[in-house]
């Protein structure tokens, strides 16, 4: 029996392979792919969109990750100084 995590991993693998195959086919044979998708655009425009969409998604994802890191750094309190931690440990040992 496959666990839930393994099933999700298999689904992610399958989707990634299918998207990669579609992307490679769209870049190598844009006229066949645009006909397959019933799109009415020339090869240059189709290739432009095939490259532009993943670049846009990647850019937005990277900006989101950067914003998340910034938010986390801005809202997390600073750690205690090491001197204070060692003093607390020494005080506990003396007790």
N, C-alpha and C. Protein backbone atom coordinates (compact mmCIF):
# COMPACT_ATOMS: atom_id res chain seq x y z
N UNK A 1 0.84 -1.19 0.00
CA UNK A 1 0.00 0.00 0.00
C UNK A 1 0.88 1.25 0.00
N UNK A 2 0.51 2.21 -0.77
CA UNK A 2 1.27 3.44 -0.90
C UNK A 2 0.77 4.45 0.13
N UNK A 3 1.73 5.11 0.82
CA UNK A 3 1.33 6.11 1.81
C UNK A 3 0.86 7.38 1.09
N UNK A 4 0.23 8.26 1.86
CA UNK A 4 -0.28 9.51 1.30
C UNK A 4 0.85 10.36 0.72
N UNK A 5 1.97 10.43 1.44
CA UNK A 5 3.11 11.22 0.97
C UNK A 5 3.67 10.66 -0.34
N UNK A 6 3.73 9.34 -0.46
CA UNK A 6 4.23 8.73 -1.68
C UNK A 6 3.28 8.99 -2.85
N UNK A 7 1.98 8.97 -2.59
CA UNK A 7 1.00 9.25 -3.64
C UNK A 7 1.11 10.70 -4.13
N UNK A 8 1.28 11.62 -3.19
CA UNK A 8 1.44 13.03 -3.56
C UNK A 8 2.74 13.22 -4.33
N UNK A 9 3.80 12.56 -3.89
CA UNK A 9 5.08 12.64 -4.60
C UNK A 9 4.98 12.09 -6.01
N UNK A 10 4.27 10.97 -6.17
CA UNK A 10 4.06 10.41 -7.51
C UNK A 10 3.26 11.33 -8.40
N UNK A 11 2.24 11.97 -7.84
CA UNK A 11 1.43 12.91 -8.62
C UNK A 11 2.26 14.13 -9.05
N UNK A 12 3.07 14.64 -8.15
CA UNK A 12 3.95 15.77 -8.48
C UNK A 12 4.93 15.37 -9.58
N UNK A 13 5.51 14.19 -9.46
CA UNK A 13 6.43 13.69 -10.48
C UNK A 13 5.74 13.61 -11.83
N UNK A 14 4.56 13.04 -11.87
CA UNK A 14 3.82 12.89 -13.13
C UNK A 14 3.50 14.25 -13.75
N UNK A 15 3.01 15.18 -12.96
CA UNK A 15 2.68 16.51 -13.48
C UNK A 15 3.92 17.21 -14.01
N UNK A 16 5.04 17.12 -13.29
CA UNK A 16 6.28 17.76 -13.73
C UNK A 16 6.78 17.16 -15.04
N UNK A 17 6.70 15.86 -15.18
CA UNK A 17 7.14 15.21 -16.43
C UNK A 17 6.24 15.63 -17.58
N UNK A 18 4.93 15.68 -17.36
CA UNK A 18 4.02 16.09 -18.43
C UNK A 18 4.24 17.54 -18.84
N UNK A 19 4.44 18.42 -17.87
CA UNK A 19 4.69 19.83 -18.19
C UNK A 19 6.01 19.97 -18.93
N UNK A 20 7.03 19.23 -18.53
CA UNK A 20 8.33 19.28 -19.20
C UNK A 20 8.21 18.80 -20.65
N UNK A 21 7.48 17.72 -20.87
CA UNK A 21 7.30 17.20 -22.23
C UNK A 21 6.54 18.22 -23.08
N UNK A 22 5.49 18.81 -22.52
CA UNK A 22 4.74 19.84 -23.25
C UNK A 22 5.63 21.02 -23.60
N UNK A 23 6.43 21.47 -22.62
CA UNK A 23 7.29 22.62 -22.84
C UNK A 23 8.32 22.34 -23.93
N UNK A 24 8.95 21.18 -23.87
CA UNK A 24 9.95 20.83 -24.89
C UNK A 24 9.30 20.74 -26.27
N UNK A 25 8.13 20.12 -26.34
CA UNK A 25 7.43 20.01 -27.61
C UNK A 25 7.01 21.38 -28.14
N UNK A 26 6.60 22.27 -27.25
CA UNK A 26 6.17 23.60 -27.68
C UNK A 26 7.34 24.42 -28.20
N UNK A 27 8.51 24.24 -27.62
CA UNK A 27 9.68 24.99 -28.08
C UNK A 27 10.24 24.40 -29.38
N UNK A 28 10.26 23.07 -29.49
CA UNK A 28 10.84 22.41 -30.65
C UNK A 28 9.89 22.44 -31.85
N UNK A 29 8.62 22.19 -31.63
CA UNK A 29 7.64 22.13 -32.73
C UNK A 29 6.44 23.02 -32.42
N UNK A 30 6.63 24.34 -32.50
CA UNK A 30 5.54 25.23 -32.11
C UNK A 30 4.30 25.14 -33.01
N UNK A 31 4.49 24.90 -34.29
CA UNK A 31 3.33 24.86 -35.19
C UNK A 31 2.44 23.66 -34.86
N UNK A 32 3.03 22.50 -34.59
CA UNK A 32 2.22 21.32 -34.25
C UNK A 32 1.51 21.51 -32.91
N UNK A 33 2.19 22.11 -31.95
CA UNK A 33 1.57 22.31 -30.64
C UNK A 33 0.46 23.34 -30.70
N UNK A 34 0.65 24.43 -31.44
CA UNK A 34 -0.42 25.42 -31.55
C UNK A 34 -1.61 24.86 -32.29
N UNK A 35 -1.38 23.98 -33.29
CA UNK A 35 -2.49 23.31 -33.97
C UNK A 35 -3.19 22.34 -33.03
N UNK A 36 -2.42 21.62 -32.23
CA UNK A 36 -2.98 20.67 -31.27
C UNK A 36 -3.86 21.38 -30.25
N UNK A 37 -3.45 22.57 -29.84
CA UNK A 37 -4.22 23.35 -28.86
C UNK A 37 -5.27 24.25 -29.52
N UNK A 38 -5.37 24.19 -30.84
CA UNK A 38 -6.33 24.99 -31.62
C UNK A 38 -6.13 26.50 -31.37
N UNK A 39 -4.88 26.92 -31.40
CA UNK A 39 -4.55 28.33 -31.23
C UNK A 39 -4.29 28.95 -32.60
N UNK A 40 -4.75 30.15 -32.78
CA UNK A 40 -4.54 30.84 -34.06
C UNK A 40 -3.49 31.93 -33.87
N UNK A 41 -2.23 31.49 -33.82
CA UNK A 41 -1.12 32.44 -33.75
C UNK A 41 0.07 31.84 -34.49
N UNK A 42 0.95 32.72 -34.93
CA UNK A 42 2.11 32.23 -35.67
C UNK A 42 3.14 31.61 -34.71
N UNK A 43 4.16 30.97 -35.28
CA UNK A 43 5.15 30.24 -34.49
C UNK A 43 5.93 31.15 -33.55
N UNK A 44 6.28 32.34 -34.03
CA UNK A 44 7.08 33.25 -33.22
C UNK A 44 6.28 33.70 -32.00
N UNK A 45 5.03 34.04 -32.19
CA UNK A 45 4.19 34.47 -31.07
C UNK A 45 3.98 33.33 -30.08
N UNK A 46 3.75 32.13 -30.60
CA UNK A 46 3.55 30.97 -29.73
C UNK A 46 4.80 30.70 -28.89
N UNK A 47 5.96 30.71 -29.54
CA UNK A 47 7.22 30.49 -28.80
C UNK A 47 7.44 31.59 -27.76
N UNK A 48 7.09 32.82 -28.11
CA UNK A 48 7.23 33.92 -27.17
C UNK A 48 6.40 33.66 -25.92
N UNK A 49 5.16 33.25 -26.09
CA UNK A 49 4.30 32.96 -24.94
C UNK A 49 4.78 31.74 -24.16
N UNK A 50 5.30 30.74 -24.86
CA UNK A 50 5.80 29.53 -24.19
C UNK A 50 6.98 29.87 -23.28
N UNK A 51 7.78 30.83 -23.66
CA UNK A 51 8.92 31.23 -22.84
C UNK A 51 8.49 32.27 -21.80
N UNK A 52 7.63 33.19 -22.17
CA UNK A 52 7.24 34.29 -21.30
C UNK A 52 6.47 33.82 -20.07
N UNK A 53 5.55 32.91 -20.23
CA UNK A 53 4.72 32.48 -19.11
C UNK A 53 5.54 31.82 -18.01
N UNK A 54 6.41 30.84 -18.31
CA UNK A 54 7.21 30.26 -17.21
C UNK A 54 8.18 31.26 -16.57
N UNK A 55 8.73 32.18 -17.36
CA UNK A 55 9.63 33.18 -16.78
C UNK A 55 8.85 34.09 -15.83
N UNK A 56 7.64 34.48 -16.23
CA UNK A 56 6.80 35.32 -15.37
C UNK A 56 6.44 34.59 -14.08
N UNK A 57 6.05 33.34 -14.19
CA UNK A 57 5.68 32.56 -13.00
C UNK A 57 6.89 32.40 -12.08
N UNK A 58 8.05 32.11 -12.64
CA UNK A 58 9.26 31.96 -11.83
C UNK A 58 9.63 33.27 -11.15
N UNK A 59 9.52 34.38 -11.87
CA UNK A 59 9.83 35.69 -11.30
C UNK A 59 8.90 36.01 -10.13
N UNK A 60 7.61 35.80 -10.32
CA UNK A 60 6.66 36.08 -9.25
C UNK A 60 6.91 35.15 -8.06
N UNK A 61 7.23 33.89 -8.31
CA UNK A 61 7.51 32.95 -7.22
C UNK A 61 8.74 33.39 -6.43
N UNK A 62 9.78 33.82 -7.12
CA UNK A 62 11.00 34.28 -6.44
C UNK A 62 10.71 35.54 -5.64
N UNK A 63 9.93 36.46 -6.19
CA UNK A 63 9.58 37.67 -5.46
C UNK A 63 8.73 37.34 -4.22
N UNK A 64 7.84 36.35 -4.34
CA UNK A 64 7.03 35.92 -3.20
C UNK A 64 7.90 35.32 -2.11
N UNK A 65 8.86 34.49 -2.50
CA UNK A 65 9.77 33.90 -1.52
C UNK A 65 10.60 34.99 -0.83
N UNK A 66 11.08 35.95 -1.61
CA UNK A 66 11.83 37.06 -1.02
C UNK A 66 10.99 37.88 -0.06
N UNK A 67 9.73 38.15 -0.43
CA UNK A 67 8.84 38.89 0.45
C UNK A 67 8.55 38.11 1.73
N UNK A 68 8.39 36.79 1.59
CA UNK A 68 8.14 35.94 2.76
C UNK A 68 9.34 35.94 3.70
N UNK A 69 10.54 35.86 3.15
CA UNK A 69 11.76 35.91 3.97
C UNK A 69 11.85 37.27 4.66
N UNK A 70 11.58 38.34 3.93
CA UNK A 70 11.61 39.68 4.53
C UNK A 70 10.59 39.83 5.64
N UNK A 71 9.37 39.35 5.41
CA UNK A 71 8.33 39.42 6.43
C UNK A 71 8.73 38.63 7.68
N UNK A 72 9.29 37.45 7.47
CA UNK A 72 9.71 36.62 8.60
C UNK A 72 10.81 37.31 9.38
N UNK A 73 11.78 37.89 8.68
CA UNK A 73 12.87 38.57 9.37
C UNK A 73 12.38 39.81 10.10
N UNK A 74 11.41 40.52 9.52
CA UNK A 74 10.91 41.75 10.12
C UNK A 74 10.03 41.48 11.34
N UNK A 75 9.35 40.35 11.38
CA UNK A 75 8.41 40.09 12.47
C UNK A 75 8.94 39.13 13.53
N UNK A 76 10.12 38.54 13.34
CA UNK A 76 10.69 37.63 14.32
C UNK A 76 11.55 38.42 15.30
N UNK A 77 11.31 38.22 16.62
CA UNK A 77 12.14 38.94 17.58
C UNK A 77 13.58 38.43 17.55
N UNK A 78 14.52 39.30 17.88
CA UNK A 78 15.93 38.86 17.84
C UNK A 78 16.20 37.84 18.95
N UNK A 79 17.17 36.95 18.73
CA UNK A 79 17.49 35.96 19.76
C UNK A 79 18.19 36.60 20.96
N UNK A 80 18.19 35.87 22.07
CA UNK A 80 18.89 36.35 23.26
C UNK A 80 20.39 36.37 22.97
N UNK A 81 21.11 37.32 23.58
CA UNK A 81 22.58 37.30 23.44
C UNK A 81 23.15 36.05 24.09
N UNK A 82 24.25 35.56 23.57
CA UNK A 82 24.86 34.33 24.06
C UNK A 82 25.30 34.48 25.52
N UNK A 83 25.70 35.67 25.93
CA UNK A 83 26.12 35.89 27.31
C UNK A 83 24.96 35.63 28.27
N UNK A 84 23.77 36.08 27.89
CA UNK A 84 22.60 35.89 28.74
C UNK A 84 22.24 34.40 28.85
N UNK A 85 22.38 33.66 27.77
CA UNK A 85 22.08 32.23 27.78
C UNK A 85 23.08 31.49 28.66
N UNK A 86 24.36 31.81 28.53
CA UNK A 86 25.37 31.13 29.35
C UNK A 86 25.20 31.47 30.82
N UNK A 87 24.80 32.70 31.14
CA UNK A 87 24.56 33.09 32.52
C UNK A 87 23.41 32.29 33.10
N UNK A 88 22.33 32.10 32.32
CA UNK A 88 21.19 31.31 32.78
C UNK A 88 21.60 29.86 33.02
N UNK A 89 22.42 29.30 32.16
CA UNK A 89 22.87 27.91 32.31
C UNK A 89 23.73 27.78 33.57
N UNK A 90 24.62 28.73 33.79
CA UNK A 90 25.47 28.69 34.98
C UNK A 90 24.65 28.84 36.25
N UNK A 91 23.63 29.70 36.24
CA UNK A 91 22.77 29.88 37.39
C UNK A 91 22.01 28.59 37.71
N UNK A 92 21.58 27.87 36.71
CA UNK A 92 20.86 26.60 36.92
C UNK A 92 21.79 25.55 37.48
N UNK A 93 23.05 25.54 37.06
CA UNK A 93 24.02 24.55 37.57
C UNK A 93 24.31 24.81 39.05
N UNK A 94 24.35 26.08 39.47
CA UNK A 94 24.65 26.42 40.85
C UNK A 94 23.51 26.02 41.78
N UNK A 95 22.29 25.98 41.27
CA UNK A 95 21.14 25.64 42.11
C UNK A 95 21.08 24.22 42.40
